[in-house]
Amino acid sequence: MRTQSMLYTADLTGCEALPSFDAAAIAAAFSSALVGAGATIVHRAMHAFPGVGLTCILILSESHAVLHTWPETGTVNIDIFSCSTRLKSLAAFHELGRLFGARDMAFQELNRADGRELVRGRLLA
């Protein structure tokens, strides 16, 4: 398998369904979206900040992924670091945007080896 160090980052805004998820459901959705995108999860950790959001970290055989939520503003930030070309990070962003009811999703794709931005754009839920 060819490796390529990449960072994918997404900002999901206007997530109207986010307040209806508890911390465990958000973590489960994050895990499911990553597995659906081809990731292999080797460890999970999360910390809920009472009343103000969640940080969830997935250690992947491909590298790692982090999700932060701000339910009071309907915002979700996701970073996916990958050393595998088989991981479909944009598919995970789409799935999470759909689940959380995002009105807008901005993303960025960076080559970690040289810091060069490859793609920047918007995905609509």
PDB file of N, CA and C in Angstrom:
ATOM      1  N   MET A   1       0.833  -1.179   0.000  1.00  0.00           N
ATOM      2  CA  MET A   1       0.000   0.000   0.000  1.00  0.00           C
ATOM      3  C   MET A   1       0.882   1.249   0.000  1.00  0.00           C
ATOM      4  N   ARG A   2       0.601   2.194  -0.904  1.00  0.00           N
ATOM      5  CA  ARG A   2       1.310   3.458  -0.983  1.00  0.00           C
ATOM      6  C   ARG A   2       0.907   4.346   0.193  1.00  0.00           C
ATOM      7  N   THR A   3       1.860   5.035   0.779  1.00  0.00           N
ATOM      8  CA  THR A   3       1.527   5.948   1.869  1.00  0.00           C
ATOM      9  C   THR A   3       1.691   7.385   1.420  1.00  0.00           C
ATOM     10  N   GLN A   4       0.892   8.241   1.994  1.00  0.00           N
ATOM     11  CA  GLN A   4       0.942   9.664   1.724  1.00  0.00           C
ATOM     12  C   GLN A   4       0.421  10.370   2.967  1.00  0.00           C
ATOM     13  N   SER A   5       1.245  11.191   3.583  1.00  0.00           N
ATOM     14  CA  SER A   5       0.845  11.892   4.805  1.00  0.00           C
ATOM     15  C   SER A   5      -0.049  13.068   4.464  1.00  0.00           C
ATOM     16  N   MET A   6      -1.305  13.002   4.917  1.00  0.00           N
ATOM     17  CA  MET A   6      -2.286  14.030   4.595  1.00  0.00           C
ATOM     18  C   MET A   6      -3.031  14.473   5.853  1.00  0.00           C
ATOM     19  N   LEU A   7      -3.421  15.739   5.855  1.00  0.00           N
ATOM     20  CA  LEU A   7      -4.308  16.285   6.874  1.00  0.00           C
ATOM     21  C   LEU A   7      -5.564  16.751   6.170  1.00  0.00           C
ATOM     22  N   TYR A   8      -6.696  16.270   6.642  1.00  0.00           N
ATOM     23  CA  TYR A   8      -7.996  16.717   6.172  1.00  0.00           C
ATOM     24  C   TYR A   8      -8.674  17.399   7.351  1.00  0.00           C
ATOM     25  N   THR A   9      -9.175  18.596   7.147  1.00  0.00           N
ATOM     26  CA  THR A   9      -9.854  19.300   8.221  1.00  0.00           C
ATOM     27  C   THR A   9     -11.184  19.834   7.703  1.00  0.00           C
ATOM     28  N   ALA A  10     -12.193  19.784   8.547  1.00  0.00           N
ATOM     29  CA  ALA A  10     -13.514  20.270   8.149  1.00  0.00           C
ATOM     30  C   ALA A  10     -14.150  21.046   9.291  1.00  0.00           C
ATOM     31  N   ASP A  11     -14.863  22.098   8.918  1.00  0.00           N
ATOM     32  CA  ASP A  11     -15.677  22.869   9.849  1.00  0.00           C
ATOM     33  C   ASP A  11     -17.121  22.732   9.406  1.00  0.00           C
ATOM     34  N   LEU A  12     -17.930  22.106  10.245  1.00  0.00           N
ATOM     35  CA  LEU A  12     -19.358  21.932   9.984  1.00  0.00           C
ATOM     36  C   LEU A  12     -20.083  22.984  10.804  1.00  0.00           C
ATOM     37  N   THR A  13     -20.912  23.785  10.154  1.00  0.00           N
ATOM     38  CA  THR A  13     -21.620  24.842  10.862  1.00  0.00           C
ATOM     39  C   THR A  13     -23.120  24.718  10.644  1.00  0.00           C
ATOM     40  N   GLY A  14     -23.860  25.329  11.555  1.00  0.00           N
ATOM     41  CA  GLY A  14     -25.317  25.268  11.476  1.00  0.00           C
ATOM     42  C   GLY A  14     -25.837  23.867  11.700  1.00  0.00           C
ATOM     43  N   CYS A  15     -25.182  23.103  12.558  1.00  0.00           N
ATOM     44  CA  CYS A  15     -25.549  21.697  12.823  1.00  0.00           C
ATOM     45  C   CYS A  15     -26.782  21.650  13.724  1.00  0.00           C
ATOM     46  N   GLU A  16     -27.936  21.740  13.110  1.00  0.00           N
ATOM     47  CA  GLU A  16     -29.191  21.830  13.855  1.00  0.00           C
ATOM     48  C   GLU A  16     -29.510  20.585  14.672  1.00  0.00           C
ATOM     49  N   ALA A  17     -29.045  19.412  14.234  1.00  0.00           N
ATOM     50  CA  ALA A  17     -29.341  18.176  14.957  1.00  0.00           C
ATOM     51  C   ALA A  17     -28.351  17.898  16.090  1.00  0.00           C
ATOM     52  N   LEU A  18     -27.251  18.630  16.147  1.00  0.00           N
ATOM     53  CA  LEU A  18     -26.201  18.359  17.141  1.00  0.00           C
ATOM     54  C   LEU A  18     -26.715  18.331  18.579  1.00  0.00           C
ATOM     55  N   PRO A  19     -27.562  19.268  19.023  1.00  0.00           N
ATOM     56  CA  PRO A  19     -28.023  19.236  20.410  1.00  0.00           C
ATOM     57  C   PRO A  19     -28.841  17.993  20.769  1.00  0.00           C
ATOM     58  N   SER A  20     -29.354  17.280  19.776  1.00  0.00           N
ATOM     59  CA  SER A  20     -30.138  16.076  20.066  1.00  0.00           C
ATOM     60  C   SER A  20     -29.257  14.854  20.312  1.00  0.00           C
ATOM     61  N   PHE A  21     -27.945  14.976  20.113  1.00  0.00           N
ATOM     62  CA  PHE A  21     -27.003  13.881  20.352  1.00  0.00           C
ATOM     63  C   PHE A  21     -26.361  14.055  21.718  1.00  0.00           C
ATOM     64  N   ASP A  22     -26.249  12.958  22.480  1.00  0.00           N
ATOM     65  CA  ASP A  22     -25.440  13.029  23.685  1.00  0.00           C
ATOM     66  C   ASP A  22     -23.993  12.681  23.309  1.00  0.00           C
ATOM     67  N   ALA A  23     -23.074  12.806  24.269  1.00  0.00           N
ATOM     68  CA  ALA A  23     -21.650  12.594  23.992  1.00  0.00           C
ATOM     69  C   ALA A  23     -21.376  11.202  23.425  1.00  0.00           C
ATOM     70  N   ALA A  24     -21.997  10.178  23.992  1.00  0.00           N
ATOM     71  CA  ALA A  24     -21.774   8.808  23.512  1.00  0.00           C
ATOM     72  C   ALA A  24     -22.260   8.634  22.074  1.00  0.00           C
ATOM     73  N   ALA A  25     -23.390   9.250  21.734  1.00  0.00           N
ATOM     74  CA  ALA A  25     -23.923   9.132  20.377  1.00  0.00           C
ATOM     75  C   ALA A  25     -23.043   9.873  19.368  1.00  0.00           C
ATOM     76  N   ILE A  26     -22.489  11.022  19.757  1.00  0.00           N
ATOM     77  CA  ILE A  26     -21.573  11.743  18.874  1.00  0.00           C
ATOM     78  C   ILE A  26     -20.323  10.913  18.627  1.00  0.00           C
ATOM     79  N   ALA A  27     -19.752  10.346  19.694  1.00  0.00           N
ATOM     80  CA  ALA A  27     -18.559   9.507  19.553  1.00  0.00           C
ATOM     81  C   ALA A  27     -18.841   8.286  18.688  1.00  0.00           C
ATOM     82  N   ALA A  28     -20.012   7.683  18.856  1.00  0.00           N
ATOM     83  CA  ALA A  28     -20.375   6.517  18.045  1.00  0.00           C
ATOM     84  C   ALA A  28     -20.531   6.911  16.581  1.00  0.00           C
ATOM     85  N   ALA A  29     -21.147   8.065  16.311  1.00  0.00           N
ATOM     86  CA  ALA A  29     -21.312   8.532  14.932  1.00  0.00           C
ATOM     87  C   ALA A  29     -19.953   8.814  14.297  1.00  0.00           C
ATOM     88  N   PHE A  30     -19.054   9.434  15.050  1.00  0.00           N
ATOM     89  CA  PHE A  30     -17.705   9.721  14.562  1.00  0.00           C
ATOM     90  C   PHE A  30     -16.982   8.427  14.208  1.00  0.00           C
ATOM     91  N   SER A  31     -17.023   7.460  15.124  1.00  0.00           N
ATOM     92  CA  SER A  31     -16.381   6.162  14.879  1.00  0.00           C
ATOM     93  C   SER A  31     -16.968   5.476  13.657  1.00  0.00           C
ATOM     94  N   SER A  32     -18.279   5.461  13.560  1.00  0.00           N
ATOM     95  CA  SER A  32     -18.956   4.805  12.445  1.00  0.00           C
ATOM     96  C   SER A  32     -18.603   5.461  11.109  1.00  0.00           C
ATOM     97  N   ALA A  33     -18.567   6.788  11.083  1.00  0.00           N
ATOM     98  CA  ALA A  33     -18.228   7.498   9.842  1.00  0.00           C
ATOM     99  C   ALA A  33     -16.802   7.188   9.404  1.00  0.00           C
ATOM    100  N   LEU A  34     -15.877   7.109  10.367  1.00  0.00           N
ATOM    101  CA  LEU A  34     -14.491   6.803  10.019  1.00  0.00           C
ATOM    102  C   LEU A  34     -14.343   5.370   9.528  1.00  0.00           C
ATOM    103  N   VAL A  35     -14.998   4.437  10.195  1.00  0.00           N
ATOM    104  CA  VAL A  35     -14.957   3.044   9.748  1.00  0.00           C
ATOM    105  C   VAL A  35     -15.565   2.933   8.348  1.00  0.00           C
ATOM    106  N   GLY A  36     -16.677   3.620   8.130  1.00  0.00           N
ATOM    107  CA  GLY A  36     -17.310   3.623   6.811  1.00  0.00           C
ATOM    108  C   GLY A  36     -16.422   4.213   5.730  1.00  0.00           C
ATOM    109  N   ALA A  37     -15.499   5.094   6.124  1.00  0.00           N
ATOM    110  CA  ALA A  37     -14.571   5.711   5.176  1.00  0.00           C
ATOM    111  C   ALA A  37     -13.307   4.877   4.985  1.00  0.00           C
ATOM    112  N   GLY A  38     -13.237   3.731   5.664  1.00  0.00           N
ATOM    113  CA  GLY A  38     -12.101   2.832   5.472  1.00  0.00           C
ATOM    114  C   GLY A  38     -11.073   2.817   6.584  1.00  0.00           C
ATOM    115  N   ALA A  39     -11.333   3.514   7.685  1.00  0.00           N
ATOM    116  CA  ALA A  39     -10.378   3.560   8.792  1.00  0.00           C
ATOM    117  C   ALA A  39     -10.460   2.310   9.655  1.00  0.00           C
ATOM    118  N   THR A  40      -9.335   1.999  10.290  1.00  0.00           N
ATOM    119  CA  THR A  40      -9.271   0.923  11.274  1.00  0.00           C
ATOM    120  C   THR A  40      -8.967   1.566  12.623  1.00  0.00           C
ATOM    121  N   ILE A  41      -9.945   1.554  13.525  1.00  0.00           N
ATOM    122  CA  ILE A  41      -9.784   2.179  14.834  1.00  0.00           C
ATOM    123  C   ILE A  41      -9.083   1.211  15.778  1.00  0.00           C
ATOM    124  N   VAL A  42      -8.015   1.696  16.418  1.00  0.00           N
ATOM    125  CA  VAL A  42      -7.288   0.859  17.378  1.00  0.00           C
ATOM    126  C   VAL A  42      -7.479   1.336  18.819  1.00  0.00           C
ATOM    127  N   HIS A  43      -7.929   2.596  19.000  1.00  0.00           N
ATOM    128  CA  HIS A  43      -8.200   3.108  20.342  1.00  0.00           C
ATOM    129  C   HIS A  43      -9.120   4.322  20.236  1.00  0.00           C
ATOM    130  N   ARG A  44     -10.013   4.472  21.228  1.00  0.00           N
ATOM    131  CA  ARG A  44     -10.932   5.608  21.299  1.00  0.00           C
ATOM    132  C   ARG A  44     -10.798   6.282  22.657  1.00  0.00           C
ATOM    133  N   ALA A  45     -10.902   7.601  22.660  1.00  0.00           N
ATOM    134  CA  ALA A  45     -10.946   8.357  23.917  1.00  0.00           C
ATOM    135  C   ALA A  45     -11.828   9.569  23.683  1.00  0.00           C
ATOM    136  N   MET A  46     -12.534   9.987  24.733  1.00  0.00           N
ATOM    137  CA  MET A  46     -13.351  11.183  24.614  1.00  0.00           C
ATOM    138  C   MET A  46     -13.453  11.875  25.961  1.00  0.00           C
ATOM    139  N   HIS A  47     -13.727  13.160  25.879  1.00  0.00           N
ATOM    140  CA  HIS A  47     -13.957  13.938  27.093  1.00  0.00           C
ATOM    141  C   HIS A  47     -15.094  14.906  26.808  1.00  0.00           C
ATOM    142  N   ALA A  48     -16.154  14.807  27.610  1.00  0.00           N
ATOM    143  CA  ALA A  48     -17.279  15.723  27.496  1.00  0.00           C
ATOM    144  C   ALA A  48     -17.052  16.879  28.458  1.00  0.00           C
ATOM    145  N   PHE A  49     -17.166  18.095  27.944  1.00  0.00           N
ATOM    146  CA  PHE A  49     -17.072  19.292  28.762  1.00  0.00           C
ATOM    147  C   PHE A  49     -18.498  19.636  29.159  1.00  0.00           C
ATOM    148  N   PRO A  50     -18.849  19.531  30.432  1.00  0.00           N
ATOM    149  CA  PRO A  50     -20.244  19.700  30.856  1.00  0.00           C
ATOM    150  C   PRO A  50     -20.901  20.951  30.277  1.00  0.00           C
ATOM    151  N   GLY A  51     -21.934  20.707  29.481  1.00  0.00           N
ATOM    152  CA  GLY A  51     -22.718  21.779  28.906  1.00  0.00           C
ATOM    153  C   GLY A  51     -22.098  22.528  27.747  1.00  0.00           C
ATOM    154  N   VAL A  52     -20.848  22.214  27.380  1.00  0.00           N
ATOM    155  CA  VAL A  52     -20.206  23.004  26.330  1.00  0.00           C
ATOM    156  C   VAL A  52     -19.555  22.201  25.211  1.00  0.00           C
ATOM    157  N   GLY A  53     -19.675  20.916  25.172  1.00  0.00           N
ATOM    158  CA  GLY A  53     -19.141  20.197  24.023  1.00  0.00           C
ATOM    159  C   GLY A  53     -18.367  18.944  24.361  1.00  0.00           C
ATOM    160  N   LEU A  54     -17.713  18.451  23.339  1.00  0.00           N
ATOM    161  CA  LEU A  54     -17.053  17.153  23.400  1.00  0.00           C
ATOM    162  C   LEU A  54     -15.792  17.182  22.560  1.00  0.00           C
ATOM    163  N   THR A  55     -14.769  16.485  23.022  1.00  0.00           N
ATOM    164  CA  THR A  55     -13.599  16.172  22.214  1.00  0.00           C
ATOM    165  C   THR A  55     -13.512  14.663  22.152  1.00  0.00           C
ATOM    166  N   CYS A  56     -13.407  14.125  20.933  1.00  0.00           N
ATOM    167  CA  CYS A  56     -13.288  12.686  20.730  1.00  0.00           C
ATOM    168  C   CYS A  56     -12.058  12.425  19.871  1.00  0.00           C
ATOM    169  N   ILE A  57     -11.235  11.489  20.300  1.00  0.00           N
ATOM    170  CA  ILE A  57      -9.997  11.160  19.604  1.00  0.00           C
ATOM    171  C   ILE A  57     -10.034   9.698  19.205  1.00  0.00           C
ATOM    172  N   LEU A  58      -9.711   9.431  17.952  1.00  0.00           N
ATOM    173  CA  LEU A  58      -9.615   8.061  17.455  1.00  0.00           C
ATOM    174  C   LEU A  58      -8.182   7.823  17.004  1.00  0.00           C
ATOM    175  N   ILE A  59      -7.544   6.827  17.579  1.00  0.00           N
ATOM    176  CA  ILE A  59      -6.238   6.398  17.090  1.00  0.00           C
ATOM    177  C   ILE A  59      -6.526   5.359  16.016  1.00  0.00           C
ATOM    178  N   LEU A  60      -6.009   5.596  14.843  1.00  0.00           N
ATOM    179  CA  LEU A  60      -6.271   4.735  13.693  1.00  0.00           C
ATOM    180  C   LEU A  60      -4.994   4.019  13.280  1.00  0.00           C
ATOM    181  N   SER A  61      -5.137   2.876  12.665  1.00  0.00           N
ATOM    182  CA  SER A  61      -3.943   2.239  12.112  1.00  0.00           C
ATOM    183  C   SER A  61      -3.377   3.116  10.998  1.00  0.00           C
ATOM    184  N   GLU A  62      -4.207   3.990  10.418  1.00  0.00           N
ATOM    185  CA  GLU A  62      -3.787   4.907   9.372  1.00  0.00           C
ATOM    186  C   GLU A  62      -3.206   6.213   9.932  1.00  0.00           C
ATOM    187  N   SER A  63      -3.409   6.531  11.193  1.00  0.00           N
ATOM    188  CA  SER A  63      -2.885   7.676  11.944  1.00  0.00           C
ATOM    189  C   SER A  63      -3.877   8.044  13.037  1.00  0.00           C
ATOM    190  N   HIS A  64      -4.586   9.201  12.952  1.00  0.00           N
ATOM    191  CA  HIS A  64      -5.532   9.564  13.999  1.00  0.00           C
ATOM    192  C   HIS A  64      -6.546  10.588  13.498  1.00  0.00           C
ATOM    193  N   ALA A  65      -7.629  10.727  14.265  1.00  0.00           N
ATOM    194  CA  ALA A  65      -8.695  11.677  13.933  1.00  0.00           C
ATOM    195  C   ALA A  65      -9.218  12.296  15.221  1.00  0.00           C
ATOM    196  N   VAL A  66      -9.620  13.564  15.125  1.00  0.00           N
ATOM    197  CA  VAL A  66     -10.112  14.294  16.293  1.00  0.00           C
ATOM    198  C   VAL A  66     -11.380  15.056  15.901  1.00  0.00           C
ATOM    199  N   LEU A  67     -12.362  15.033  16.789  1.00  0.00           N
ATOM    200  CA  LEU A  67     -13.610  15.763  16.588  1.00  0.00           C
ATOM    201  C   LEU A  67     -13.848  16.631  17.817  1.00  0.00           C
ATOM    202  N   HIS A  68     -14.218  17.892  17.586  1.00  0.00           N
ATOM    203  CA  HIS A  68     -14.578  18.826  18.658  1.00  0.00           C
ATOM    204  C   HIS A  68     -15.971  19.356  18.349  1.00  0.00           C
ATOM    205  N   THR A  69     -16.819  19.472  19.372  1.00  0.00           N
ATOM    206  CA  THR A  69     -18.161  20.019  19.161  1.00  0.00           C
ATOM    207  C   THR A  69     -18.394  21.227  20.062  1.00  0.00           C
ATOM    208  N   TRP A  70     -19.231  22.122  19.547  1.00  0.00           N
ATOM    209  CA  TRP A  70     -19.719  23.275  20.291  1.00  0.00           C
ATOM    210  C   TRP A  70     -21.230  23.313  20.071  1.00  0.00           C
ATOM    211  N   PRO A  71     -22.006  22.533  20.851  1.00  0.00           N
ATOM    212  CA  PRO A  71     -23.453  22.470  20.627  1.00  0.00           C
ATOM    213  C   PRO A  71     -24.154  23.818  20.737  1.00  0.00           C
ATOM    214  N   GLU A  72     -23.634  24.700  21.581  1.00  0.00           N
ATOM    215  CA  GLU A  72     -24.290  25.997  21.769  1.00  0.00           C
ATOM    216  C   GLU A  72     -24.239  26.856  20.503  1.00  0.00           C
ATOM    217  N   THR A  73     -23.283  26.583  19.612  1.00  0.00           N
ATOM    218  CA  THR A  73     -23.213  27.324  18.345  1.00  0.00           C
ATOM    219  C   THR A  73     -23.487  26.423  17.137  1.00  0.00           C
ATOM    220  N   GLY A  74     -23.727  25.125  17.380  1.00  0.00           N
ATOM    221  CA  GLY A  74     -23.985  24.199  16.272  1.00  0.00           C
ATOM    222  C   GLY A  74     -22.779  23.966  15.392  1.00  0.00           C
ATOM    223  N   THR A  75     -21.593  23.960  15.998  1.00  0.00           N
ATOM    224  CA  THR A  75     -20.343  23.843  15.242  1.00  0.00           C
ATOM    225  C   THR A  75     -19.624  22.534  15.579  1.00  0.00           C
ATOM    226  N   VAL A  76     -19.059  21.912  14.554  1.00  0.00           N
ATOM    227  CA  VAL A  76     -18.240  20.716  14.720  1.00  0.00           C
ATOM    228  C   VAL A  76     -16.962  20.923  13.904  1.00  0.00           C
ATOM    229  N   ASN A  77     -15.814  20.638  14.506  1.00  0.00           N
ATOM    230  CA  ASN A  77     -14.535  20.673  13.800  1.00  0.00           C
ATOM    231  C   ASN A  77     -13.972  19.272  13.788  1.00  0.00           C
ATOM    232  N   ILE A  78     -13.491  18.834  12.638  1.00  0.00           N
ATOM    233  CA  ILE A  78     -12.940  17.485  12.490  1.00  0.00           C
ATOM    234  C   ILE A  78     -11.582  17.581  11.812  1.00  0.00           C
ATOM    235  N   ASP A  79     -10.589  16.906  12.377  1.00  0.00           N
ATOM    236  CA  ASP A  79      -9.272  16.770  11.761  1.00  0.00           C
ATOM    237  C   ASP A  79      -8.999  15.287  11.581  1.00  0.00           C
ATOM    238  N   ILE A  80      -8.610  14.906  10.375  1.00  0.00           N
ATOM    239  CA  ILE A  80      -8.251  13.519  10.094  1.00  0.00           C
ATOM    240  C   ILE A  80      -6.843  13.519   9.514  1.00  0.00           C
ATOM    241  N   PHE A  81      -5.921  12.900  10.236  1.00  0.00           N
ATOM    242  CA  PHE A  81      -4.551  12.737   9.770  1.00  0.00           C
ATOM    243  C   PHE A  81      -4.442  11.325   9.222  1.00  0.00           C
ATOM    244  N   SER A  82      -3.883  11.182   8.026  1.00  0.00           N
ATOM    245  CA  SER A  82      -3.844   9.869   7.405  1.00  0.00           C
ATOM    246  C   SER A  82      -2.537   9.648   6.657  1.00  0.00           C
ATOM    247  N   CYS A  83      -2.037   8.441   6.770  1.00  0.00           N
ATOM    248  CA  CYS A  83      -0.865   8.016   6.010  1.00  0.00           C
ATOM    249  C   CYS A  83      -1.258   6.950   4.992  1.00  0.00           C
ATOM    250  N   SER A  84      -2.536   6.902   4.649  1.00  0.00           N
ATOM    251  CA  SER A  84      -3.045   5.889   3.733  1.00  0.00           C
ATOM    252  C   SER A  84      -3.905   6.541   2.660  1.00  0.00           C
ATOM    253  N   THR A  85      -3.701   6.147   1.431  1.00  0.00           N
ATOM    254  CA  THR A  85      -4.515   6.677   0.334  1.00  0.00           C
ATOM    255  C   THR A  85      -5.882   6.009   0.279  1.00  0.00           C
ATOM    256  N   ARG A  86      -6.099   4.951   1.052  1.00  0.00           N
ATOM    257  CA  ARG A  86      -7.396   4.261   0.999  1.00  0.00           C
ATOM    258  C   ARG A  86      -8.457   4.883   1.908  1.00  0.00           C
ATOM    259  N   LEU A  87      -8.043   5.715   2.854  1.00  0.00           N
ATOM    260  CA  LEU A  87      -8.990   6.361   3.759  1.00  0.00           C
ATOM    261  C   LEU A  87      -9.709   7.491   3.015  1.00  0.00           C
ATOM    262  N   LYS A  88     -11.017   7.451   3.002  1.00  0.00           N
ATOM    263  CA  LYS A  88     -11.850   8.415   2.266  1.00  0.00           C
ATOM    264  C   LYS A  88     -12.408   9.455   3.241  1.00  0.00           C
ATOM    265  N   SER A  89     -11.570  10.401   3.606  1.00  0.00           N
ATOM    266  CA  SER A  89     -11.912  11.403   4.619  1.00  0.00           C
ATOM    267  C   SER A  89     -13.109  12.252   4.217  1.00  0.00           C
ATOM    268  N   LEU A  90     -13.208  12.645   2.958  1.00  0.00           N
ATOM    269  CA  LEU A  90     -14.341  13.477   2.538  1.00  0.00           C
ATOM    270  C   LEU A  90     -15.659  12.741   2.712  1.00  0.00           C
ATOM    271  N   ALA A  91     -15.654  11.421   2.534  1.00  0.00           N
ATOM    272  CA  ALA A  91     -16.873  10.638   2.759  1.00  0.00           C
ATOM    273  C   ALA A  91     -17.284  10.699   4.232  1.00  0.00           C
ATOM    274  N   ALA A  92     -16.308  10.658   5.133  1.00  0.00           N
ATOM    275  CA  ALA A  92     -16.610  10.776   6.568  1.00  0.00           C
ATOM    276  C   ALA A  92     -17.191  12.151   6.873  1.00  0.00           C
ATOM    277  N   PHE A  93     -16.631  13.213   6.282  1.00  0.00           N
ATOM    278  CA  PHE A  93     -17.167  14.559   6.493  1.00  0.00           C
ATOM    279  C   PHE A  93     -18.622  14.645   6.018  1.00  0.00           C
ATOM    280  N   HIS A  94     -18.884  14.103   4.838  1.00  0.00           N
ATOM    281  CA  HIS A  94     -20.250  14.125   4.299  1.00  0.00           C
ATOM    282  C   HIS A  94     -21.224  13.425   5.240  1.00  0.00           C
ATOM    283  N   GLU A  95     -20.844  12.243   5.723  1.00  0.00           N
ATOM    284  CA  GLU A  95     -21.727  11.471   6.600  1.00  0.00           C
ATOM    285  C   GLU A  95     -21.997  12.215   7.901  1.00  0.00           C
ATOM    286  N   LEU A  96     -20.963  12.782   8.501  1.00  0.00           N
ATOM    287  CA  LEU A  96     -21.153  13.509   9.760  1.00  0.00           C
ATOM    288  C   LEU A  96     -21.965  14.785   9.534  1.00  0.00           C
ATOM    289  N   GLY A  97     -21.735  15.460   8.444  1.00  0.00           N
ATOM    290  CA  GLY A  97     -22.539  16.636   8.123  1.00  0.00           C
ATOM    291  C   GLY A  97     -24.006  16.291   7.966  1.00  0.00           C
ATOM    292  N   ARG A  98     -24.281  15.173   7.323  1.00  0.00           N
ATOM    293  CA  ARG A  98     -25.662  14.710   7.151  1.00  0.00           C
ATOM    294  C   ARG A  98     -26.283  14.380   8.503  1.00  0.00           C
ATOM    295  N   LEU A  99     -25.572  13.619   9.328  1.00  0.00           N
ATOM    296  CA  LEU A  99     -26.110  13.218  10.636  1.00  0.00           C
ATOM    297  C   LEU A  99     -26.378  14.410  11.550  1.00  0.00           C
ATOM    298  N   PHE A 100     -25.477  15.381  11.545  1.00  0.00           N
ATOM    299  CA  PHE A 100     -25.602  16.521  12.448  1.00  0.00           C
ATOM    300  C   PHE A 100     -26.435  17.652  11.853  1.00  0.00           C
ATOM    301  N   GLY A 101     -26.906  17.490  10.622  1.00  0.00           N
ATOM    302  CA  GLY A 101     -27.750  18.498   9.986  1.00  0.00           C
ATOM    303  C   GLY A 101     -27.016  19.786   9.658  1.00  0.00           C
ATOM    304  N   ALA A 102     -25.751  19.670   9.219  1.00  0.00           N
ATOM    305  CA  ALA A 102     -24.947  20.859   8.918  1.00  0.00           C
ATOM    306  C   ALA A 102     -25.528  21.637   7.739  1.00  0.00           C
ATOM    307  N   ARG A 103     -25.607  22.943   7.904  1.00  0.00           N
ATOM    308  CA  ARG A 103     -26.024  23.803   6.792  1.00  0.00           C
ATOM    309  C   ARG A 103     -24.855  24.088   5.858  1.00  0.00           C
ATOM    310  N   ASP A 104     -23.627  24.060   6.402  1.00  0.00           N
ATOM    311  CA  ASP A 104     -22.448  24.365   5.597  1.00  0.00           C
ATOM    312  C   ASP A 104     -21.271  23.545   6.106  1.00  0.00           C
ATOM    313  N   MET A 105     -20.404  23.143   5.180  1.00  0.00           N
ATOM    314  CA  MET A 105     -19.188  22.413   5.542  1.00  0.00           C
ATOM    315  C   MET A 105     -18.041  22.946   4.708  1.00  0.00           C
ATOM    316  N   ALA A 106     -17.028  23.482   5.363  1.00  0.00           N
ATOM    317  CA  ALA A 106     -15.816  23.925   4.679  1.00  0.00           C
ATOM    318  C   ALA A 106     -14.728  22.907   4.996  1.00  0.00           C
ATOM    319  N   PHE A 107     -13.907  22.604   3.999  1.00  0.00           N
ATOM    320  CA  PHE A 107     -12.847  21.623   4.238  1.00  0.00           C
ATOM    321  C   PHE A 107     -11.542  22.097   3.623  1.00  0.00           C
ATOM    322  N   GLN A 108     -10.473  21.464   4.086  1.00  0.00           N
ATOM    323  CA  GLN A 108      -9.140  21.745   3.580  1.00  0.00           C
ATOM    324  C   GLN A 108      -8.364  20.443   3.558  1.00  0.00           C
ATOM    325  N   GLU A 109      -7.551  20.270   2.546  1.00  0.00           N
ATOM    326  CA  GLU A 109      -6.710  19.080   2.399  1.00  0.00           C
ATOM    327  C   GLU A 109      -5.265  19.561   2.273  1.00  0.00           C
ATOM    328  N   LEU A 110      -4.393  19.090   3.170  1.00  0.00           N
ATOM    329  CA  LEU A 110      -2.992  19.505   3.181  1.00  0.00           C
ATOM    330  C   LEU A 110      -2.075  18.302   3.081  1.00  0.00           C
ATOM    331  N   ASN A 111      -1.011  18.456   2.332  1.00  0.00           N
ATOM    332  CA  ASN A 111       0.036  17.443   2.294  1.00  0.00           C
ATOM    333  C   ASN A 111       0.918  17.678   3.517  1.00  0.00           C
ATOM    334  N   ARG A 112       0.953  16.710   4.443  1.00  0.00           N
ATOM    335  CA  ARG A 112       1.718  16.897   5.684  1.00  0.00           C
ATOM    336  C   ARG A 112       3.214  16.884   5.438  1.00  0.00           C
ATOM    337  N   ALA A 113       3.669  16.237   4.372  1.00  0.00           N
ATOM    338  CA  ALA A 113       5.100  16.136   4.125  1.00  0.00           C
ATOM    339  C   ALA A 113       5.732  17.495   3.824  1.00  0.00           C
ATOM    340  N   ASP A 114       4.993  18.356   3.110  1.00  0.00           N
ATOM    341  CA  ASP A 114       5.576  19.648   2.753  1.00  0.00           C
ATOM    342  C   ASP A 114       4.709  20.847   3.140  1.00  0.00           C
ATOM    343  N   GLY A 115       3.573  20.603   3.806  1.00  0.00           N
ATOM    344  CA  GLY A 115       2.712  21.679   4.257  1.00  0.00           C
ATOM    345  C   GLY A 115       1.939  22.373   3.147  1.00  0.00           C
ATOM    346  N   ARG A 116       1.973  21.808   1.963  1.00  0.00           N
ATOM    347  CA  ARG A 116       1.317  22.417   0.807  1.00  0.00           C
ATOM    348  C   ARG A 116      -0.183  22.150   0.828  1.00  0.00           C
ATOM    349  N   GLU A 117      -0.967  23.213   0.684  1.00  0.00           N
ATOM    350  CA  GLU A 117      -2.414  23.055   0.597  1.00  0.00           C
ATOM    351  C   GLU A 117      -2.763  22.503  -0.775  1.00  0.00           C
ATOM    352  N   LEU A 118      -3.518  21.435  -0.808  1.00  0.00           N
ATOM    353  CA  LEU A 118      -3.888  20.817  -2.075  1.00  0.00           C
ATOM    354  C   LEU A 118      -5.279  21.228  -2.516  1.00  0.00           C
ATOM    355  N   VAL A 119      -6.212  21.234  -1.585  1.00  0.00           N
ATOM    356  CA  VAL A 119      -7.599  21.526  -1.927  1.00  0.00           C
ATOM    357  C   VAL A 119      -8.229  22.296  -0.775  1.00  0.00           C
ATOM    358  N   ARG A 120      -9.047  23.268  -1.115  1.00  0.00           N
ATOM    359  CA  ARG A 120      -9.866  23.970  -0.129  1.00  0.00           C
ATOM    360  C   ARG A 120     -11.214  24.146  -0.787  1.00  0.00           C
ATOM    361  N   GLY A 121     -12.264  23.888  -0.047  1.00  0.00           N
ATOM    362  CA  GLY A 121     -13.575  24.039  -0.663  1.00  0.00           C
ATOM    363  C   GLY A 121     -14.699  23.950   0.318  1.00  0.00           C
ATOM    364  N   ARG A 122     -15.895  23.847  -0.236  1.00  0.00           N
ATOM    365  CA  ARG A 122     -17.098  23.754   0.571  1.00  0.00           C
ATOM    366  C   ARG A 122     -17.850  22.516   0.132  1.00  0.00           C
ATOM    367  N   LEU A 123     -18.395  21.843   1.107  1.00  0.00           N
ATOM    368  CA  LEU A 123     -19.258  20.704   0.859  1.00  0.00           C
ATOM    369  C   LEU A 123     -20.628  21.057   1.419  1.00  0.00           C
ATOM    370  N   LEU A 124     -21.663  20.831   0.689  1.00  0.00           N
ATOM    371  CA  LEU A 124     -23.000  21.085   1.211  1.00  0.00           C
ATOM    372  C   LEU A 124     -23.574  19.793   1.718  1.00  0.00           C
ATOM    373  N   ALA A 125     -24.241  19.859   2.851  1.00  0.00           N
ATOM    374  CA  ALA A 125     -24.807  18.661   3.483  1.00  0.00           C
ATOM    375  C   ALA A 125     -25.882  18.055   2.618  1.00  0.00           C
TER     376      ALA A 125
END
